[in-house]
Amino acid sequence: MDLASFYIYPQADDKYIYVLSNNKIPDSQESFLQELQVWDWNGQPVANFKLNKPISIWSFSSLDKKIYAMNKSESNIIYSLDLSSEL
C-alpha cells in the first residue's frame, strides 16, 4: 500500500528527533493514519508508534520519556504515551 506522508510538529532532545507523521492513502477518502516516528541524530529510524487516536498537538517530555497529546475536537482530554521502555 502506497502512502502519501507529511511530517508536522517536529521536536527533539539531545538524543532523538520526534516527528508526527500524517499518512494518507492516495485517492482515498479515509482519514489520516498517524504515527510518531523517532530518529537518531544520524537520521536512522529508532522507533515507530502507530497512534490509535488522532492528535492535533503534542509535546515530548524528556524528563519522563512521555508524549502528551490532545485532539482539537476533544480538548478536555490529554493522551499520554510512555516511551521509556522503547527508547
Protein backbone atom coordinates (compact mmCIF):
# COMPACT_ATOMS: atom_id res chain seq x y z
CA MET A 1 0.00 0.00 0.00
CA ASP A 2 1.44 3.37 -1.01
CA LEU A 3 1.13 6.23 1.43
CA ALA A 4 1.50 9.95 0.98
CA SER A 5 3.27 11.13 4.14
CA PHE A 6 3.92 14.52 5.55
CA TYR A 7 5.56 15.44 8.81
CA ILE A 8 4.35 18.00 11.31
CA TYR A 9 5.44 19.42 14.65
CA PRO A 10 8.99 18.05 14.93
CA GLN A 11 10.56 18.08 18.37
CA ALA A 12 13.98 17.00 19.59
CA ASP A 13 16.15 16.38 22.59
CA ASP A 14 19.86 15.69 22.78
CA LYS A 15 19.40 12.03 21.71
CA TYR A 16 16.47 11.87 19.28
CA ILE A 17 14.22 13.69 16.82
CA TYR A 18 10.49 13.08 17.25
CA VAL A 19 8.10 13.73 14.36
CA LEU A 20 4.37 13.26 13.96
CA SER A 21 3.67 11.74 10.56
CA ASN A 22 0.29 12.08 8.88
CA ASN A 23 -0.07 9.35 6.27
CA LYS A 24 -2.82 9.17 3.69
CA ILE A 25 -3.61 6.58 1.10
CA PRO A 26 -3.68 8.47 -2.24
CA ASP A 27 -7.14 8.86 -3.82
CA SER A 28 -8.77 7.59 -0.64
CA GLN A 29 -11.43 9.27 1.46
CA GLU A 30 -10.09 7.57 4.59
CA SER A 31 -8.79 9.74 7.36
CA PHE A 32 -5.11 10.12 8.07
CA LEU A 33 -3.18 7.26 9.63
CA GLN A 34 -0.98 8.94 12.20
CA GLU A 35 2.25 7.67 13.67
CA LEU A 36 5.05 9.04 15.77
CA GLN A 37 8.48 8.43 14.28
CA VAL A 38 11.68 8.66 16.29
CA TRP A 39 15.09 9.10 14.60
CA ASP A 40 18.58 9.47 15.96
CA TRP A 41 20.71 12.47 15.00
CA ASN A 42 22.31 10.43 12.20
CA GLY A 43 18.93 10.11 10.51
CA GLN A 44 18.46 6.45 11.42
CA PRO A 45 14.97 5.28 12.47
CA VAL A 46 14.83 4.27 16.13
CA ALA A 47 11.12 3.65 16.78
CA ASN A 48 7.73 3.98 15.13
CA PHE A 49 4.47 4.23 17.09
CA LYS A 50 1.12 3.84 15.32
CA LEU A 51 -1.42 6.09 17.03
CA ASN A 52 -4.92 4.82 17.70
CA LYS A 53 -6.33 8.32 18.34
CA PRO A 54 -6.00 11.33 16.07
CA ILE A 55 -3.96 14.08 17.68
CA SER A 56 -3.69 17.75 16.81
CA ILE A 57 -0.98 18.95 19.16
CA TRP A 58 1.66 17.14 21.13
CA SER A 59 4.76 17.55 23.22
CA PHE A 60 7.55 15.26 24.37
CA SER A 61 8.81 15.28 27.94
CA SER A 62 12.43 14.15 28.04
CA LEU A 63 12.22 14.07 31.84
CA ASP A 64 9.76 11.17 31.98
CA LYS A 65 10.05 9.96 28.33
CA LYS A 66 6.37 10.51 27.59
CA ILE A 67 4.38 12.06 24.79
CA TYR A 68 1.45 14.24 25.83
CA ALA A 69 -1.14 14.96 23.17
CA MET A 70 -4.56 16.44 22.52
CA ASN A 71 -7.14 16.35 19.77
CA LYS A 72 -8.78 19.66 18.92
CA SER A 73 -12.24 18.04 18.82
CA GLU A 74 -11.77 16.65 22.36
CA SER A 75 -9.98 19.50 24.06
CA ASN A 76 -10.75 18.26 27.57
CA ILE A 77 -8.75 15.01 27.14
CA ILE A 78 -4.97 14.70 27.37
CA TYR A 79 -3.47 11.49 25.99
CA SER A 80 -0.10 10.16 27.07
CA LEU A 81 2.22 7.58 25.57
CA ASP A 82 5.08 6.20 27.64
CA LEU A 83 8.20 5.71 25.51
CA SER A 84 10.58 4.80 28.33
CA SER A 85 10.63 1.08 27.54
CA GLU A 86 11.25 1.72 23.82
CA LEU A 87 13.98 4.37 23.93
